Amino acid sequence: MDTRPQLCNERQLAPYAQKYKAIGHPIRLKILCLIAHQEVPCVGDIWRCLDQPQPVVSQHLAILKRNGIVSSEVKKTRRIYSISDPFIKNLVDAMIAEIRAPSDETSKNK
């Protein structure tokens, strides 16, 4: 009988499944891209960029915050968001790089 610990069992995968579930909505992915791309992303900037009502964006940010994916801090009169989960930060950075890759290739061929 094999007594080695199994990789990727339910207990180990559960936190990752929850993270993927939290970021799986298209609006939340857009929010994460905006947060990763902007220098000082505040909720007003985010909802204007997404062309979504402020309450909708706030609800999505609350889900990301509740799952430990983003954090916020108040600077003067603005609430600034950042990606606080290193796993998700790396995932978003890789996604942005992948999205940009074809346009980078197109510009190199010109």
PDB file of N, CA and C in Angstrom:
ATOM      1  N   MET A   1       0.844  -1.183   0.000  1.00  0.00           N
ATOM      2  CA  MET A   1       0.000   0.000   0.000  1.00  0.00           C
ATOM      3  C   MET A   1       0.888   1.245   0.000  1.00  0.00           C
ATOM      4  N   ASP A   2       0.525   2.214  -0.792  1.00  0.00           N
ATOM      5  CA  ASP A   2       1.281   3.459  -0.919  1.00  0.00           C
ATOM      6  C   ASP A   2       0.939   4.383   0.250  1.00  0.00           C
ATOM      7  N   THR A   3       1.944   4.756   1.045  1.00  0.00           N
ATOM      8  CA  THR A   3       1.696   5.610   2.216  1.00  0.00           C
ATOM      9  C   THR A   3       2.174   7.042   2.002  1.00  0.00           C
ATOM     10  N   ARG A   4       2.617   7.350   0.782  1.00  0.00           N
ATOM     11  CA  ARG A   4       3.043   8.732   0.502  1.00  0.00           C
ATOM     12  C   ARG A   4       1.834   9.665   0.535  1.00  0.00           C
ATOM     13  N   PRO A   5       2.042  10.894   0.992  1.00  0.00           N
ATOM     14  CA  PRO A   5       0.917  11.836   0.999  1.00  0.00           C
ATOM     15  C   PRO A   5       0.481  12.134  -0.440  1.00  0.00           C
ATOM     16  N   GLN A   6      -0.805  12.196  -0.638  1.00  0.00           N
ATOM     17  CA  GLN A   6      -1.334  12.478  -1.965  1.00  0.00           C
ATOM     18  C   GLN A   6      -1.328  13.979  -2.218  1.00  0.00           C
ATOM     19  N   LEU A   7      -0.867  14.338  -3.391  1.00  0.00           N
ATOM     20  CA  LEU A   7      -0.951  15.733  -3.803  1.00  0.00           C
ATOM     21  C   LEU A   7      -2.339  16.003  -4.344  1.00  0.00           C
ATOM     22  N   CYS A   8      -2.763  17.189  -4.188  1.00  0.00           N
ATOM     23  CA  CYS A   8      -4.028  17.651  -4.760  1.00  0.00           C
ATOM     24  C   CYS A   8      -5.237  16.893  -4.235  1.00  0.00           C
ATOM     25  N   ASN A   9      -5.259  16.613  -2.952  1.00  0.00           N
ATOM     26  CA  ASN A   9      -6.466  16.031  -2.377  1.00  0.00           C
ATOM     27  C   ASN A   9      -7.459  17.153  -2.071  1.00  0.00           C
ATOM     28  N   GLU A  10      -8.658  16.792  -1.734  1.00  0.00           N
ATOM     29  CA  GLU A  10      -9.716  17.790  -1.523  1.00  0.00           C
ATOM     30  C   GLU A  10      -9.346  18.839  -0.480  1.00  0.00           C
ATOM     31  N   ARG A  11      -8.745  18.393   0.603  1.00  0.00           N
ATOM     32  CA  ARG A  11      -8.382  19.327   1.675  1.00  0.00           C
ATOM     33  C   ARG A  11      -7.376  20.362   1.173  1.00  0.00           C
ATOM     34  N   GLN A  12      -6.425  19.922   0.354  1.00  0.00           N
ATOM     35  CA  GLN A  12      -5.411  20.842  -0.171  1.00  0.00           C
ATOM     36  C   GLN A  12      -5.985  21.750  -1.254  1.00  0.00           C
ATOM     37  N   LEU A  13      -6.912  21.228  -2.033  1.00  0.00           N
ATOM     38  CA  LEU A  13      -7.465  21.991  -3.148  1.00  0.00           C
ATOM     39  C   LEU A  13      -8.560  22.974  -2.745  1.00  0.00           C
ATOM     40  N   ALA A  14      -9.208  22.746  -1.627  1.00  0.00           N
ATOM     41  CA  ALA A  14     -10.354  23.568  -1.225  1.00  0.00           C
ATOM     42  C   ALA A  14     -10.065  25.069  -1.203  1.00  0.00           C
ATOM     43  N   PRO A  15      -8.946  25.525  -0.614  1.00  0.00           N
ATOM     44  CA  PRO A  15      -8.714  26.979  -0.612  1.00  0.00           C
ATOM     45  C   PRO A  15      -8.505  27.543  -2.017  1.00  0.00           C
ATOM     46  N   TYR A  16      -7.885  26.749  -2.889  1.00  0.00           N
ATOM     47  CA  TYR A  16      -7.667  27.214  -4.261  1.00  0.00           C
ATOM     48  C   TYR A  16      -8.978  27.242  -5.038  1.00  0.00           C
ATOM     49  N   ALA A  17      -9.816  26.246  -4.817  1.00  0.00           N
ATOM     50  CA  ALA A  17     -11.132  26.232  -5.460  1.00  0.00           C
ATOM     51  C   ALA A  17     -11.924  27.468  -5.060  1.00  0.00           C
ATOM     52  N   GLN A  18     -11.844  27.846  -3.778  1.00  0.00           N
ATOM     53  CA  GLN A  18     -12.553  29.027  -3.298  1.00  0.00           C
ATOM     54  C   GLN A  18     -12.005  30.296  -3.949  1.00  0.00           C
ATOM     55  N   LYS A  19     -10.681  30.372  -4.091  1.00  0.00           N
ATOM     56  CA  LYS A  19     -10.082  31.543  -4.737  1.00  0.00           C
ATOM     57  C   LYS A  19     -10.517  31.644  -6.197  1.00  0.00           C
ATOM     58  N   TYR A  20     -10.465  30.508  -6.915  1.00  0.00           N
ATOM     59  CA  TYR A  20     -10.878  30.519  -8.319  1.00  0.00           C
ATOM     60  C   TYR A  20     -12.355  30.885  -8.445  1.00  0.00           C
ATOM     61  N   LYS A  21     -13.169  30.402  -7.535  1.00  0.00           N
ATOM     62  CA  LYS A  21     -14.586  30.741  -7.550  1.00  0.00           C
ATOM     63  C   LYS A  21     -14.767  32.249  -7.345  1.00  0.00           C
ATOM     64  N   ALA A  22     -14.002  32.807  -6.434  1.00  0.00           N
ATOM     65  CA  ALA A  22     -14.116  34.247  -6.134  1.00  0.00           C
ATOM     66  C   ALA A  22     -13.686  35.116  -7.308  1.00  0.00           C
ATOM     67  N   ILE A  23     -12.699  34.680  -8.068  1.00  0.00           N
ATOM     68  CA  ILE A  23     -12.226  35.517  -9.180  1.00  0.00           C
ATOM     69  C   ILE A  23     -12.880  35.145 -10.506  1.00  0.00           C
ATOM     70  N   GLY A  24     -13.743  34.125 -10.509  1.00  0.00           N
ATOM     71  CA  GLY A  24     -14.278  33.586 -11.749  1.00  0.00           C
ATOM     72  C   GLY A  24     -15.273  34.452 -12.497  1.00  0.00           C
ATOM     73  N   HIS A  25     -15.807  35.456 -11.881  1.00  0.00           N
ATOM     74  CA  HIS A  25     -16.780  36.331 -12.548  1.00  0.00           C
ATOM     75  C   HIS A  25     -16.036  37.323 -13.444  1.00  0.00           C
ATOM     76  N   PRO A  26     -16.534  37.558 -14.670  1.00  0.00           N
ATOM     77  CA  PRO A  26     -15.833  38.490 -15.583  1.00  0.00           C
ATOM     78  C   PRO A  26     -15.600  39.883 -14.996  1.00  0.00           C
ATOM     79  N   ILE A  27     -16.559  40.408 -14.248  1.00  0.00           N
ATOM     80  CA  ILE A  27     -16.364  41.746 -13.660  1.00  0.00           C
ATOM     81  C   ILE A  27     -15.244  41.703 -12.626  1.00  0.00           C
ATOM     82  N   ARG A  28     -15.178  40.644 -11.828  1.00  0.00           N
ATOM     83  CA  ARG A  28     -14.109  40.555 -10.829  1.00  0.00           C
ATOM     84  C   ARG A  28     -12.747  40.402 -11.497  1.00  0.00           C
ATOM     85  N   LEU A  29     -12.675  39.675 -12.595  1.00  0.00           N
ATOM     86  CA  LEU A  29     -11.402  39.585 -13.328  1.00  0.00           C
ATOM     87  C   LEU A  29     -10.996  40.957 -13.870  1.00  0.00           C
ATOM     88  N   LYS A  30     -11.965  41.703 -14.382  1.00  0.00           N
ATOM     89  CA  LYS A  30     -11.669  43.057 -14.875  1.00  0.00           C
ATOM     90  C   LYS A  30     -11.191  43.952 -13.730  1.00  0.00           C
ATOM     91  N   ILE A  31     -11.840  43.833 -12.591  1.00  0.00           N
ATOM     92  CA  ILE A  31     -11.437  44.622 -11.422  1.00  0.00           C
ATOM     93  C   ILE A  31      -9.987  44.301 -11.062  1.00  0.00           C
ATOM     94  N   LEU A  32      -9.640  43.018 -11.019  1.00  0.00           N
ATOM     95  CA  LEU A  32      -8.269  42.623 -10.676  1.00  0.00           C
ATOM     96  C   LEU A  32      -7.278  43.138 -11.703  1.00  0.00           C
ATOM     97  N   CYS A  33      -7.637  43.107 -12.980  1.00  0.00           N
ATOM     98  CA  CYS A  33      -6.756  43.661 -14.014  1.00  0.00           C
ATOM     99  C   CYS A  33      -6.541  45.156 -13.812  1.00  0.00           C
ATOM    100  N   LEU A  34      -7.623  45.861 -13.499  1.00  0.00           N
ATOM    101  CA  LEU A  34      -7.506  47.304 -13.262  1.00  0.00           C
ATOM    102  C   LEU A  34      -6.642  47.596 -12.040  1.00  0.00           C
ATOM    103  N   ILE A  35      -6.865  46.851 -10.973  1.00  0.00           N
ATOM    104  CA  ILE A  35      -6.073  47.070  -9.765  1.00  0.00           C
ATOM    105  C   ILE A  35      -4.595  46.806 -10.049  1.00  0.00           C
ATOM    106  N   ALA A  36      -4.307  45.740 -10.785  1.00  0.00           N
ATOM    107  CA  ALA A  36      -2.917  45.389 -11.095  1.00  0.00           C
ATOM    108  C   ALA A  36      -2.271  46.407 -12.029  1.00  0.00           C
ATOM    109  N   HIS A  37      -3.072  47.047 -12.868  1.00  0.00           N
ATOM    110  CA  HIS A  37      -2.537  47.931 -13.912  1.00  0.00           C
ATOM    111  C   HIS A  37      -2.432  49.393 -13.477  1.00  0.00           C
ATOM    112  N   GLN A  38      -3.281  49.833 -12.574  1.00  0.00           N
ATOM    113  CA  GLN A  38      -3.288  51.238 -12.171  1.00  0.00           C
ATOM    114  C   GLN A  38      -2.347  51.473 -11.005  1.00  0.00           C
ATOM    115  N   GLU A  39      -1.818  52.673 -10.950  1.00  0.00           N
ATOM    116  CA  GLU A  39      -0.917  53.022  -9.856  1.00  0.00           C
ATOM    117  C   GLU A  39      -1.658  53.172  -8.530  1.00  0.00           C
ATOM    118  N   VAL A  40      -2.762  53.876  -8.548  1.00  0.00           N
ATOM    119  CA  VAL A  40      -3.521  54.114  -7.314  1.00  0.00           C
ATOM    120  C   VAL A  40      -5.004  53.889  -7.612  1.00  0.00           C
ATOM    121  N   PRO A  41      -5.425  52.623  -7.701  1.00  0.00           N
ATOM    122  CA  PRO A  41      -6.812  52.361  -8.075  1.00  0.00           C
ATOM    123  C   PRO A  41      -7.784  52.537  -6.913  1.00  0.00           C
ATOM    124  N   CYS A  42      -8.690  53.469  -7.057  1.00  0.00           N
ATOM    125  CA  CYS A  42      -9.733  53.643  -6.041  1.00  0.00           C
ATOM    126  C   CYS A  42     -11.055  53.185  -6.646  1.00  0.00           C
ATOM    127  N   VAL A  43     -12.042  53.002  -5.810  1.00  0.00           N
ATOM    128  CA  VAL A  43     -13.308  52.447  -6.265  1.00  0.00           C
ATOM    129  C   VAL A  43     -13.950  53.322  -7.344  1.00  0.00           C
ATOM    130  N   GLY A  44     -13.829  54.627  -7.229  1.00  0.00           N
ATOM    131  CA  GLY A  44     -14.388  55.524  -8.249  1.00  0.00           C
ATOM    132  C   GLY A  44     -13.739  55.311  -9.605  1.00  0.00           C
ATOM    133  N   ASP A  45     -12.422  55.162  -9.621  1.00  0.00           N
ATOM    134  CA  ASP A  45     -11.715  54.892 -10.882  1.00  0.00           C
ATOM    135  C   ASP A  45     -12.172  53.568 -11.470  1.00  0.00           C
ATOM    136  N   ILE A  46     -12.344  52.581 -10.606  1.00  0.00           N
ATOM    137  CA  ILE A  46     -12.701  51.239 -11.069  1.00  0.00           C
ATOM    138  C   ILE A  46     -14.088  51.234 -11.708  1.00  0.00           C
ATOM    139  N   TRP A  47     -15.077  51.805 -11.034  1.00  0.00           N
ATOM    140  CA  TRP A  47     -16.420  51.733 -11.614  1.00  0.00           C
ATOM    141  C   TRP A  47     -16.555  52.602 -12.852  1.00  0.00           C
ATOM    142  N   ARG A  48     -15.803  53.698 -12.937  1.00  0.00           N
ATOM    143  CA  ARG A  48     -15.843  54.510 -14.159  1.00  0.00           C
ATOM    144  C   ARG A  48     -15.203  53.752 -15.323  1.00  0.00           C
ATOM    145  N   CYS A  49     -14.083  53.079 -15.070  1.00  0.00           N
ATOM    146  CA  CYS A  49     -13.408  52.308 -16.126  1.00  0.00           C
ATOM    147  C   CYS A  49     -14.274  51.143 -16.610  1.00  0.00           C
ATOM    148  N   LEU A  50     -15.007  50.534 -15.698  1.00  0.00           N
ATOM    149  CA  LEU A  50     -15.828  49.376 -16.060  1.00  0.00           C
ATOM    150  C   LEU A  50     -17.192  49.773 -16.619  1.00  0.00           C
ATOM    151  N   ASP A  51     -17.545  51.043 -16.480  1.00  0.00           N
ATOM    152  CA  ASP A  51     -18.862  51.523 -16.892  1.00  0.00           C
ATOM    153  C   ASP A  51     -19.962  50.703 -16.216  1.00  0.00           C
ATOM    154  N   GLN A  52     -19.770  50.494 -14.910  1.00  0.00           N
ATOM    155  CA  GLN A  52     -20.727  49.757 -14.082  1.00  0.00           C
ATOM    156  C   GLN A  52     -21.165  50.670 -12.936  1.00  0.00           C
ATOM    157  N   PRO A  53     -22.372  50.470 -12.442  1.00  0.00           N
ATOM    158  CA  PRO A  53     -22.810  51.265 -11.288  1.00  0.00           C
ATOM    159  C   PRO A  53     -21.907  51.008 -10.076  1.00  0.00           C
ATOM    160  N   GLN A  54     -21.709  52.020  -9.277  1.00  0.00           N
ATOM    161  CA  GLN A  54     -20.847  51.914  -8.101  1.00  0.00           C
ATOM    162  C   GLN A  54     -21.269  50.791  -7.162  1.00  0.00           C
ATOM    163  N   PRO A  55     -22.581  50.589  -6.902  1.00  0.00           N
ATOM    164  CA  PRO A  55     -22.956  49.495  -5.996  1.00  0.00           C
ATOM    165  C   PRO A  55     -22.556  48.109  -6.528  1.00  0.00           C
ATOM    166  N   VAL A  56     -22.620  47.924  -7.838  1.00  0.00           N
ATOM    167  CA  VAL A  56     -22.226  46.644  -8.441  1.00  0.00           C
ATOM    168  C   VAL A  56     -20.740  46.397  -8.205  1.00  0.00           C
ATOM    169  N   VAL A  57     -19.931  47.406  -8.472  1.00  0.00           N
ATOM    170  CA  VAL A  57     -18.480  47.274  -8.278  1.00  0.00           C
ATOM    171  C   VAL A  57     -18.170  47.048  -6.801  1.00  0.00           C
ATOM    172  N   SER A  58     -18.853  47.759  -5.933  1.00  0.00           N
ATOM    173  CA  SER A  58     -18.621  47.590  -4.499  1.00  0.00           C
ATOM    174  C   SER A  58     -18.962  46.171  -4.033  1.00  0.00           C
ATOM    175  N   GLN A  59     -20.028  45.589  -4.572  1.00  0.00           N
ATOM    176  CA  GLN A  59     -20.383  44.214  -4.219  1.00  0.00           C
ATOM    177  C   GLN A  59     -19.292  43.240  -4.662  1.00  0.00           C
ATOM    178  N   HIS A  60     -18.784  43.424  -5.868  1.00  0.00           N
ATOM    179  CA  HIS A  60     -17.727  42.540  -6.365  1.00  0.00           C
ATOM    180  C   HIS A  60     -16.437  42.727  -5.564  1.00  0.00           C
ATOM    181  N   LEU A  61     -16.115  43.959  -5.219  1.00  0.00           N
ATOM    182  CA  LEU A  61     -14.936  44.205  -4.385  1.00  0.00           C
ATOM    183  C   LEU A  61     -15.104  43.558  -3.007  1.00  0.00           C
ATOM    184  N   ALA A  62     -16.320  43.584  -2.472  1.00  0.00           N
ATOM    185  CA  ALA A  62     -16.570  42.968  -1.166  1.00  0.00           C
ATOM    186  C   ALA A  62     -16.322  41.462  -1.221  1.00  0.00           C
ATOM    187  N   ILE A  63     -16.696  40.824  -2.315  1.00  0.00           N
ATOM    188  CA  ILE A  63     -16.445  39.381  -2.469  1.00  0.00           C
ATOM    189  C   ILE A  63     -14.948  39.116  -2.518  1.00  0.00           C
ATOM    190  N   LEU A  64     -14.232  39.929  -3.286  1.00  0.00           N
ATOM    191  CA  LEU A  64     -12.772  39.760  -3.382  1.00  0.00           C
ATOM    192  C   LEU A  64     -12.113  40.012  -2.029  1.00  0.00           C
ATOM    193  N   LYS A  65     -12.596  40.993  -1.320  1.00  0.00           N
ATOM    194  CA  LYS A  65     -12.028  41.328  -0.008  1.00  0.00           C
ATOM    195  C   LYS A  65     -12.335  40.238   1.015  1.00  0.00           C
ATOM    196  N   ARG A  66     -13.552  39.746   0.998  1.00  0.00           N
ATOM    197  CA  ARG A  66     -13.970  38.689   1.939  1.00  0.00           C
ATOM    198  C   ARG A  66     -13.144  37.415   1.741  1.00  0.00           C
ATOM    199  N   ASN A  67     -12.688  37.175   0.537  1.00  0.00           N
ATOM    200  CA  ASN A  67     -11.887  35.987   0.240  1.00  0.00           C
ATOM    201  C   ASN A  67     -10.390  36.243   0.363  1.00  0.00           C
ATOM    202  N   GLY A  68     -10.016  37.422   0.861  1.00  0.00           N
ATOM    203  CA  GLY A  68      -8.606  37.732   1.100  1.00  0.00           C
ATOM    204  C   GLY A  68      -7.805  37.979  -0.163  1.00  0.00           C
ATOM    205  N   ILE A  69      -8.486  38.311  -1.242  1.00  0.00           N
ATOM    206  CA  ILE A  69      -7.805  38.507  -2.523  1.00  0.00           C
ATOM    207  C   ILE A  69      -7.356  39.947  -2.685  1.00  0.00           C
ATOM    208  N   VAL A  70      -8.173  40.884  -2.251  1.00  0.00           N
ATOM    209  CA  VAL A  70      -7.788  42.295  -2.288  1.00  0.00           C
ATOM    210  C   VAL A  70      -7.862  42.872  -0.887  1.00  0.00           C
ATOM    211  N   SER A  71      -7.144  43.955  -0.708  1.00  0.00           N
ATOM    212  CA  SER A  71      -7.231  44.714   0.537  1.00  0.00           C
ATOM    213  C   SER A  71      -7.352  46.178   0.155  1.00  0.00           C
ATOM    214  N   SER A  72      -7.729  46.980   1.115  1.00  0.00           N
ATOM    215  CA  SER A  72      -7.878  48.409   0.834  1.00  0.00           C
ATOM    216  C   SER A  72      -7.346  49.206   2.007  1.00  0.00           C
ATOM    217  N   GLU A  73      -6.972  50.418   1.687  1.00  0.00           N
ATOM    218  CA  GLU A  73      -6.568  51.364   2.726  1.00  0.00           C
ATOM    219  C   GLU A  73      -7.081  52.739   2.336  1.00  0.00           C
ATOM    220  N   VAL A  74      -7.358  53.537   3.336  1.00  0.00           N
ATOM    221  CA  VAL A  74      -7.882  54.874   3.092  1.00  0.00           C
ATOM    222  C   VAL A  74      -6.713  55.844   3.043  1.00  0.00           C
ATOM    223  N   LYS A  75      -6.647  56.606   1.961  1.00  0.00           N
ATOM    224  CA  LYS A  75      -5.660  57.680   1.814  1.00  0.00           C
ATOM    225  C   LYS A  75      -6.432  58.966   1.548  1.00  0.00           C
ATOM    226  N   LYS A  76      -6.406  59.830   2.527  1.00  0.00           N
ATOM    227  CA  LYS A  76      -7.183  61.077   2.494  1.00  0.00           C
ATOM    228  C   LYS A  76      -8.651  60.725   2.312  1.00  0.00           C
ATOM    229  N   THR A  77      -9.243  61.067   1.158  1.00  0.00           N
ATOM    230  CA  THR A  77     -10.670  60.816   0.947  1.00  0.00           C
ATOM    231  C   THR A  77     -10.915  59.630   0.011  1.00  0.00           C
ATOM    232  N   ARG A  78      -9.871  58.875  -0.300  1.00  0.00           N
ATOM    233  CA  ARG A  78     -10.006  57.766  -1.269  1.00  0.00           C
ATOM    234  C   ARG A  78      -9.678  56.422  -0.623  1.00  0.00           C
ATOM    235  N   ARG A  79     -10.412  55.410  -1.016  1.00  0.00           N
ATOM    236  CA  ARG A  79     -10.120  54.038  -0.597  1.00  0.00           C
ATOM    237  C   ARG A  79      -9.364  53.395  -1.754  1.00  0.00           C
ATOM    238  N   ILE A  80      -8.114  53.006  -1.492  1.00  0.00           N
ATOM    239  CA  ILE A  80      -7.219  52.467  -2.508  1.00  0.00           C
ATOM    240  C   ILE A  80      -7.160  50.946  -2.368  1.00  0.00           C
ATOM    241  N   TYR A  81      -7.274  50.246  -3.482  1.00  0.00           N
ATOM    242  CA  TYR A  81      -7.281  48.780  -3.472  1.00  0.00           C
ATOM    243  C   TYR A  81      -5.978  48.218  -4.021  1.00  0.00           C
ATOM    244  N   SER A  82      -5.600  47.064  -3.496  1.00  0.00           N
ATOM    245  CA  SER A  82      -4.437  46.329  -4.010  1.00  0.00           C
ATOM    246  C   SER A  82      -4.727  44.832  -3.904  1.00  0.00           C
ATOM    247  N   ILE A  83      -4.025  44.065  -4.719  1.00  0.00           N
ATOM    248  CA  ILE A  83      -4.173  42.612  -4.665  1.00  0.00           C
ATOM    249  C   ILE A  83      -3.273  42.127  -3.536  1.00  0.00           C
ATOM    250  N   SER A  84      -3.873  41.515  -2.523  1.00  0.00           N
ATOM    251  CA  SER A  84      -3.114  41.114  -1.342  1.00  0.00           C
ATOM    252  C   SER A  84      -2.722  39.638  -1.347  1.00  0.00           C
ATOM    253  N   ASP A  85      -3.327  38.850  -2.195  1.00  0.00           N
ATOM    254  CA  ASP A  85      -3.022  37.422  -2.269  1.00  0.00           C
ATOM    255  C   ASP A  85      -1.931  37.202  -3.321  1.00  0.00           C
ATOM    256  N   PRO A  86      -0.737  36.767  -2.924  1.00  0.00           N
ATOM    257  CA  PRO A  86       0.365  36.609  -3.881  1.00  0.00           C
ATOM    258  C   PRO A  86       0.055  35.593  -4.985  1.00  0.00           C
ATOM    259  N   PHE A  87      -0.685  34.532  -4.668  1.00  0.00           N
ATOM    260  CA  PHE A  87      -1.044  33.541  -5.681  1.00  0.00           C
ATOM    261  C   PHE A  87      -1.897  34.192  -6.767  1.00  0.00           C
ATOM    262  N   ILE A  88      -2.904  34.953  -6.361  1.00  0.00           N
ATOM    263  CA  ILE A  88      -3.789  35.622  -7.316  1.00  0.00           C
ATOM    264  C   ILE A  88      -3.037  36.725  -8.052  1.00  0.00           C
ATOM    265  N   LYS A  89      -2.170  37.445  -7.362  1.00  0.00           N
ATOM    266  CA  LYS A  89      -1.364  38.497  -8.016  1.00  0.00           C
ATOM    267  C   LYS A  89      -0.545  37.897  -9.147  1.00  0.00           C
ATOM    268  N   ASN A  90       0.111  36.764  -8.893  1.00  0.00           N
ATOM    269  CA  ASN A  90       0.895  36.101  -9.944  1.00  0.00           C
ATOM    270  C   ASN A  90       0.003  35.627 -11.083  1.00  0.00           C
ATOM    271  N   LEU A  91      -1.170  35.133 -10.744  1.00  0.00           N
ATOM    272  CA  LEU A  91      -2.111  34.664 -11.758  1.00  0.00           C
ATOM    273  C   LEU A  91      -2.580  35.823 -12.640  1.00  0.00           C
ATOM    274  N   VAL A  92      -2.920  36.945 -12.027  1.00  0.00           N
ATOM    275  CA  VAL A  92      -3.375  38.120 -12.782  1.00  0.00           C
ATOM    276  C   VAL A  92      -2.235  38.670 -13.645  1.00  0.00           C
ATOM    277  N   ASP A  93      -1.031  38.751 -13.089  1.00  0.00           N
ATOM    278  CA  ASP A  93       0.114  39.217 -13.877  1.00  0.00           C
ATOM    279  C   ASP A  93       0.355  38.320 -15.087  1.00  0.00           C
ATOM    280  N   ALA A  94       0.248  37.004 -14.897  1.00  0.00           N
ATOM    281  CA  ALA A  94       0.437  36.060 -16.009  1.00  0.00           C
ATOM    282  C   ALA A  94      -0.675  36.225 -17.041  1.00  0.00           C
ATOM    283  N   MET A  95      -1.896  36.445 -16.576  1.00  0.00           N
ATOM    284  CA  MET A  95      -3.014  36.641 -17.490  1.00  0.00           C
ATOM    285  C   MET A  95      -2.827  37.910 -18.316  1.00  0.00           C
ATOM    286  N   ILE A  96      -2.401  38.989 -17.671  1.00  0.00           N
ATOM    287  CA  ILE A  96      -2.163  40.248 -18.377  1.00  0.00           C
ATOM    288  C   ILE A  96      -1.048  40.071 -19.398  1.00  0.00           C
ATOM    289  N   ALA A  97       0.026  39.381 -19.025  1.00  0.00           N
ATOM    290  CA  ALA A  97       1.138  39.132 -19.951  1.00  0.00           C
ATOM    291  C   ALA A  97       0.666  38.318 -21.150  1.00  0.00           C
ATOM    292  N   GLU A  98      -0.164  37.330 -20.894  1.00  0.00           N
ATOM    293  CA  GLU A  98      -0.697  36.483 -21.970  1.00  0.00           C
ATOM    294  C   GLU A  98      -1.579  37.291 -22.914  1.00  0.00           C
ATOM    295  N   ILE A  99      -2.408  38.163 -22.352  1.00  0.00           N
ATOM    296  CA  ILE A  99      -3.290  39.005 -23.169  1.00  0.00           C
ATOM    297  C   ILE A  99      -2.473  39.971 -24.019  1.00  0.00           C
ATOM    298  N   ARG A 100      -1.419  40.526 -23.450  1.00  0.00           N
ATOM    299  CA  ARG A 100      -0.582  41.494 -24.171  1.00  0.00           C
ATOM    300  C   ARG A 100       0.325  40.844 -25.206  1.00  0.00           C
ATOM    301  N   ALA A 101       0.657  39.588 -25.034  1.00  0.00           N
ATOM    302  CA  ALA A 101       1.634  38.904 -25.895  1.00  0.00           C
ATOM    303  C   ALA A 101       1.298  39.018 -27.391  1.00  0.00           C
ATOM    304  N   PRO A 102       0.093  38.729 -27.834  1.00  0.00           N
ATOM    305  CA  PRO A 102      -0.172  38.829 -29.281  1.00  0.00           C
ATOM    306  C   PRO A 102       0.009  40.249 -29.810  1.00  0.00           C
ATOM    307  N   SER A 103      -0.404  41.265 -29.049  1.00  0.00           N
ATOM    308  CA  SER A 103      -0.237  42.640 -29.521  1.00  0.00           C
ATOM    309  C   SER A 103       1.242  43.025 -29.537  1.00  0.00           C
ATOM    310  N   ASP A 104       2.030  42.481 -28.596  1.00  0.00           N
ATOM    311  CA  ASP A 104       3.467  42.736 -28.621  1.00  0.00           C
ATOM    312  C   ASP A 104       4.101  42.130 -29.858  1.00  0.00           C
ATOM    313  N   GLU A 105       3.671  40.929 -30.242  1.00  0.00           N
ATOM    314  CA  GLU A 105       4.197  40.263 -31.447  1.00  0.00           C
ATOM    315  C   GLU A 105       3.809  41.051 -32.688  1.00  0.00           C
ATOM    316  N   THR A 106       2.575  41.553 -32.747  1.00  0.00           N
ATOM    317  CA  THR A 106       2.116  42.316 -33.895  1.00  0.00           C
ATOM    318  C   THR A 106       2.955  43.567 -34.060  1.00  0.00           C
ATOM    319  N   SER A 107       3.249  44.269 -32.962  1.00  0.00           N
ATOM    320  CA  SER A 107       4.029  45.500 -33.055  1.00  0.00           C
ATOM    321  C   SER A 107       5.484  45.214 -33.436  1.00  0.00           C
ATOM    322  N   LYS A 108       6.017  44.034 -33.083  1.00  0.00           N
ATOM    323  CA  LYS A 108       7.385  43.686 -33.461  1.00  0.00           C
ATOM    324  C   LYS A 108       7.491  43.406 -34.954  1.00  0.00           C
ATOM    325  N   ASN A 109       6.424  42.893 -35.545  1.00  0.00           N
ATOM    326  CA  ASN A 109       6.441  42.525 -36.964  1.00  0.00           C
ATOM    327  C   ASN A 109       6.216  43.714 -37.872  1.00  0.00           C
ATOM    328  N   LYS A 110       5.897  44.861 -37.336  1.00  0.00           N
ATOM    329  CA  LYS A 110       5.652  46.049 -38.184  1.00  0.00           C
ATOM    330  C   LYS A 110       6.918  46.739 -38.539  1.00  0.00           C
TER     331      LYS A 110
END
